[in-house]
């Protein structure tokens, strides 16, 4: 058996013991400072979340504007002439020019002359 005088007693914490239903605890000043720090942190978090909400709304508006611009650009591009369309017009224009020059030369209106 162990004698009570042989037991090592744990040191007592400073301050008064815990209060039953008061909620203050043993170190009133320390708890108040910690709670104040937590409240400040929560306030900071709320402000940051508010800023993030505003930034997300603005980004959403920017994305909407970007989608409208992209749709407008796609629509305009769809009305541009294609390479084959441009090629046919150039070929047709060259054919008409060659035909006109040939007719003019056959009629004698285009005569090669040497300068005097």
C-alpha atoms as a PDB file:
ATOM      1  CA  UNK A   1       0.000   0.000   0.000  1.00  0.00           C
ATOM      2  CA  UNK A   2       1.030   3.486  -0.737  1.00  0.00           C
ATOM      3  CA  UNK A   3       1.022   6.035   1.968  1.00  0.00           C
ATOM      4  CA  UNK A   4      -0.601   9.418   1.127  1.00  0.00           C
ATOM      5  CA  UNK A   5       2.519  11.219   2.251  1.00  0.00           C
ATOM      6  CA  UNK A   6       4.526   9.394  -0.465  1.00  0.00           C
ATOM      7  CA  UNK A   7       2.341  10.608  -3.343  1.00  0.00           C
ATOM      8  CA  UNK A   8       3.645  13.457  -5.417  1.00  0.00           C
ATOM      9  CA  UNK A   9       1.091  16.184  -5.698  1.00  0.00           C
ATOM     10  CA  UNK A  10       0.744  18.070  -9.012  1.00  0.00           C
ATOM     11  CA  UNK A  11       1.242  21.801  -8.744  1.00  0.00           C
ATOM     12  CA  UNK A  12      -1.933  23.839  -8.698  1.00  0.00           C
ATOM     13  CA  UNK A  13      -2.557  26.212 -11.633  1.00  0.00           C
ATOM     14  CA  UNK A  14      -2.365  29.901 -10.819  1.00  0.00           C
ATOM     15  CA  UNK A  15      -5.623  31.718 -10.197  1.00  0.00           C
ATOM     16  CA  UNK A  16      -8.951  30.538  -8.932  1.00  0.00           C
ATOM     17  CA  UNK A  17     -10.462  27.203  -9.989  1.00  0.00           C
ATOM     18  CA  UNK A  18     -12.947  26.926 -12.845  1.00  0.00           C
ATOM     19  CA  UNK A  19     -16.291  28.457 -12.152  1.00  0.00           C
ATOM     20  CA  UNK A  20     -19.254  26.154 -12.557  1.00  0.00           C
ATOM     21  CA  UNK A  21     -21.703  28.077 -14.745  1.00  0.00           C
ATOM     22  CA  UNK A  22     -20.248  31.561 -15.056  1.00  0.00           C
ATOM     23  CA  UNK A  23     -18.316  30.806 -18.258  1.00  0.00           C
ATOM     24  CA  UNK A  24     -15.364  33.040 -17.346  1.00  0.00           C
ATOM     25  CA  UNK A  25     -12.830  30.279 -16.704  1.00  0.00           C
ATOM     26  CA  UNK A  26      -9.682  30.491 -14.660  1.00  0.00           C
ATOM     27  CA  UNK A  27      -7.747  33.231 -16.444  1.00  0.00           C
ATOM     28  CA  UNK A  28     -10.259  35.985 -17.149  1.00  0.00           C
ATOM     29  CA  UNK A  29      -7.787  38.425 -18.713  1.00  0.00           C
ATOM     30  CA  UNK A  30      -6.248  35.809 -21.000  1.00  0.00           C
ATOM     31  CA  UNK A  31      -9.602  34.536 -22.254  1.00  0.00           C
ATOM     32  CA  UNK A  32     -10.850  38.038 -22.977  1.00  0.00           C
ATOM     33  CA  UNK A  33      -7.722  38.800 -25.005  1.00  0.00           C
ATOM     34  CA  UNK A  34      -8.004  35.539 -26.934  1.00  0.00           C
ATOM     35  CA  UNK A  35     -11.699  36.088 -27.662  1.00  0.00           C
ATOM     36  CA  UNK A  36     -10.972  39.656 -28.772  1.00  0.00           C
ATOM     37  CA  UNK A  37      -8.254  38.338 -31.080  1.00  0.00           C
ATOM     38  CA  UNK A  38     -10.629  35.726 -32.521  1.00  0.00           C
ATOM     39  CA  UNK A  39     -13.342  38.352 -33.022  1.00  0.00           C
ATOM     40  CA  UNK A  40     -10.866  40.563 -34.878  1.00  0.00           C
ATOM     41  CA  UNK A  41      -9.837  37.620 -37.046  1.00  0.00           C
ATOM     42  CA  UNK A  42     -13.470  36.797 -37.847  1.00  0.00           C
ATOM     43  CA  UNK A  43     -14.108  40.443 -38.735  1.00  0.00           C
ATOM     44  CA  UNK A  44     -11.096  40.375 -41.059  1.00  0.00           C
ATOM     45  CA  UNK A  45     -12.314  37.122 -42.646  1.00  0.00           C
ATOM     46  CA  UNK A  46     -15.780  38.627 -43.206  1.00  0.00           C
ATOM     47  CA  UNK A  47     -14.262  41.688 -44.884  1.00  0.00           C
ATOM     48  CA  UNK A  48     -12.097  39.490 -47.122  1.00  0.00           C
ATOM     49  CA  UNK A  49     -15.060  37.300 -48.081  1.00  0.00           C
ATOM     50  CA  UNK A  50     -17.060  40.445 -48.879  1.00  0.00           C
ATOM     51  CA  UNK A  51     -14.246  41.698 -51.107  1.00  0.00           C
ATOM     52  CA  UNK A  52     -14.092  38.302 -52.813  1.00  0.00           C
ATOM     53  CA  UNK A  53     -17.855  38.388 -53.480  1.00  0.00           C
ATOM     54  CA  UNK A  54     -17.520  41.804 -55.117  1.00  0.00           C
ATOM     55  CA  UNK A  55     -14.571  40.620 -57.205  1.00  0.00           C
ATOM     56  CA  UNK A  56     -16.512  37.530 -58.325  1.00  0.00           C
ATOM     57  CA  UNK A  57     -19.501  39.643 -59.358  1.00  0.00           C
ATOM     58  CA  UNK A  58     -17.241  41.915 -61.403  1.00  0.00           C
ATOM     59  CA  UNK A  59     -15.515  38.911 -62.964  1.00  0.00           C
ATOM     60  CA  UNK A  60     -18.927  37.501 -63.877  1.00  0.00           C
ATOM     61  CA  UNK A  61     -19.840  40.777 -65.608  1.00  0.00           C
ATOM     62  CA  UNK A  62     -16.521  40.757 -67.438  1.00  0.00           C
ATOM     63  CA  UNK A  63     -17.114  37.173 -68.562  1.00  0.00           C
ATOM     64  CA  UNK A  64     -20.578  38.092 -69.816  1.00  0.00           C
ATOM     65  CA  UNK A  65     -19.116  41.002 -71.791  1.00  0.00           C
ATOM     66  CA  UNK A  66     -16.440  38.694 -73.162  1.00  0.00           C
ATOM     67  CA  UNK A  67     -19.044  36.134 -74.273  1.00  0.00           C
ATOM     68  CA  UNK A  68     -21.056  38.833 -76.060  1.00  0.00           C
ATOM     69  CA  UNK A  69     -17.922  40.150 -77.775  1.00  0.00           C
ATOM     70  CA  UNK A  70     -16.914  36.647 -78.825  1.00  0.00           C
ATOM     71  CA  UNK A  71     -20.390  35.955 -80.248  1.00  0.00           C
ATOM     72  CA  UNK A  72     -20.347  39.264 -82.147  1.00  0.00           C
ATOM     73  CA  UNK A  73     -16.918  38.521 -83.572  1.00  0.00           C
ATOM     74  CA  UNK A  74     -17.960  35.007 -84.593  1.00  0.00           C
ATOM     75  CA  UNK A  75     -21.017  36.398 -86.368  1.00  0.00           C
ATOM     76  CA  UNK A  76     -18.974  39.004 -88.232  1.00  0.00           C
ATOM     77  CA  UNK A  77     -16.368  36.455 -89.284  1.00  0.00           C
ATOM     78  CA  UNK A  78     -19.070  34.169 -90.655  1.00  0.00           C
ATOM     79  CA  UNK A  79     -20.046  36.917 -93.134  1.00  0.00           C
ATOM     80  CA  UNK A  80     -16.516  37.464 -94.461  1.00  0.00           C
ATOM     81  CA  UNK A  81     -15.737  36.106 -97.923  1.00  0.00           C
ATOM     82  CA  UNK A  82     -13.919  32.809 -98.122  1.00  0.00           C
ATOM     83  CA  UNK A  83     -10.660  32.158 -99.967  1.00  0.00           C
ATOM     84  CA  UNK A  84     -12.446  30.390-102.795  1.00  0.00           C
ATOM     85  CA  UNK A  85     -14.877  33.303-103.204  1.00  0.00           C
ATOM     86  CA  UNK A  86     -11.994  35.772-103.438  1.00  0.00           C
ATOM     87  CA  UNK A  87     -10.122  33.413-105.799  1.00  0.00           C
ATOM     88  CA  UNK A  88     -13.111  33.169-108.154  1.00  0.00           C
ATOM     89  CA  UNK A  89     -13.443  36.964-108.293  1.00  0.00           C
ATOM     90  CA  UNK A  90      -9.744  37.448-109.001  1.00  0.00           C
ATOM     91  CA  UNK A  91      -9.789  34.732-111.682  1.00  0.00           C
ATOM     92  CA  UNK A  92     -12.926  36.197-113.227  1.00  0.00           C
ATOM     93  CA  UNK A  93     -11.465  39.691-113.201  1.00  0.00           C
ATOM     94  CA  UNK A  94      -8.257  38.541-114.856  1.00  0.00           C
ATOM     95  CA  UNK A  95     -10.249  36.600-117.478  1.00  0.00           C
ATOM     96  CA  UNK A  96     -12.347  39.655-118.314  1.00  0.00           C
ATOM     97  CA  UNK A  97      -9.220  41.852-118.534  1.00  0.00           C
ATOM     98  CA  UNK A  98      -7.412  39.418-120.845  1.00  0.00           C
ATOM     99  CA  UNK A  99     -10.535  39.043-123.017  1.00  0.00           C
ATOM    100  CA  UNK A 100     -10.947  42.829-123.247  1.00  0.00           C
ATOM    101  CA  UNK A 101      -7.307  43.356-124.202  1.00  0.00           C
ATOM    102  CA  UNK A 102      -7.545  40.598-126.805  1.00  0.00           C
ATOM    103  CA  UNK A 103     -10.651  42.159-128.376  1.00  0.00           C
ATOM    104  CA  UNK A 104      -9.067  45.607-128.389  1.00  0.00           C
ATOM    105  CA  UNK A 105      -5.921  44.290-130.065  1.00  0.00           C
ATOM    106  CA  UNK A 106      -7.975  42.444-132.734  1.00  0.00           C
ATOM    107  CA  UNK A 107      -9.855  45.628-133.509  1.00  0.00           C
ATOM    108  CA  UNK A 108      -6.598  47.459-133.962  1.00  0.00           C
ATOM    109  CA  UNK A 109      -7.026  49.770-131.075  1.00  0.00           C
ATOM    110  CA  UNK A 110      -3.952  48.398-129.372  1.00  0.00           C
ATOM    111  CA  UNK A 111      -1.038  48.824-131.766  1.00  0.00           C
ATOM    112  CA  UNK A 112       2.546  48.380-130.764  1.00  0.00           C
ATOM    113  CA  UNK A 113       4.494  51.348-132.028  1.00  0.00           C
ATOM    114  CA  UNK A 114       8.068  52.384-131.681  1.00  0.00           C
ATOM    115  CA  UNK A 115       8.804  55.832-130.389  1.00  0.00           C
ATOM    116  CA  UNK A 116      10.257  58.272-132.922  1.00  0.00           C
END
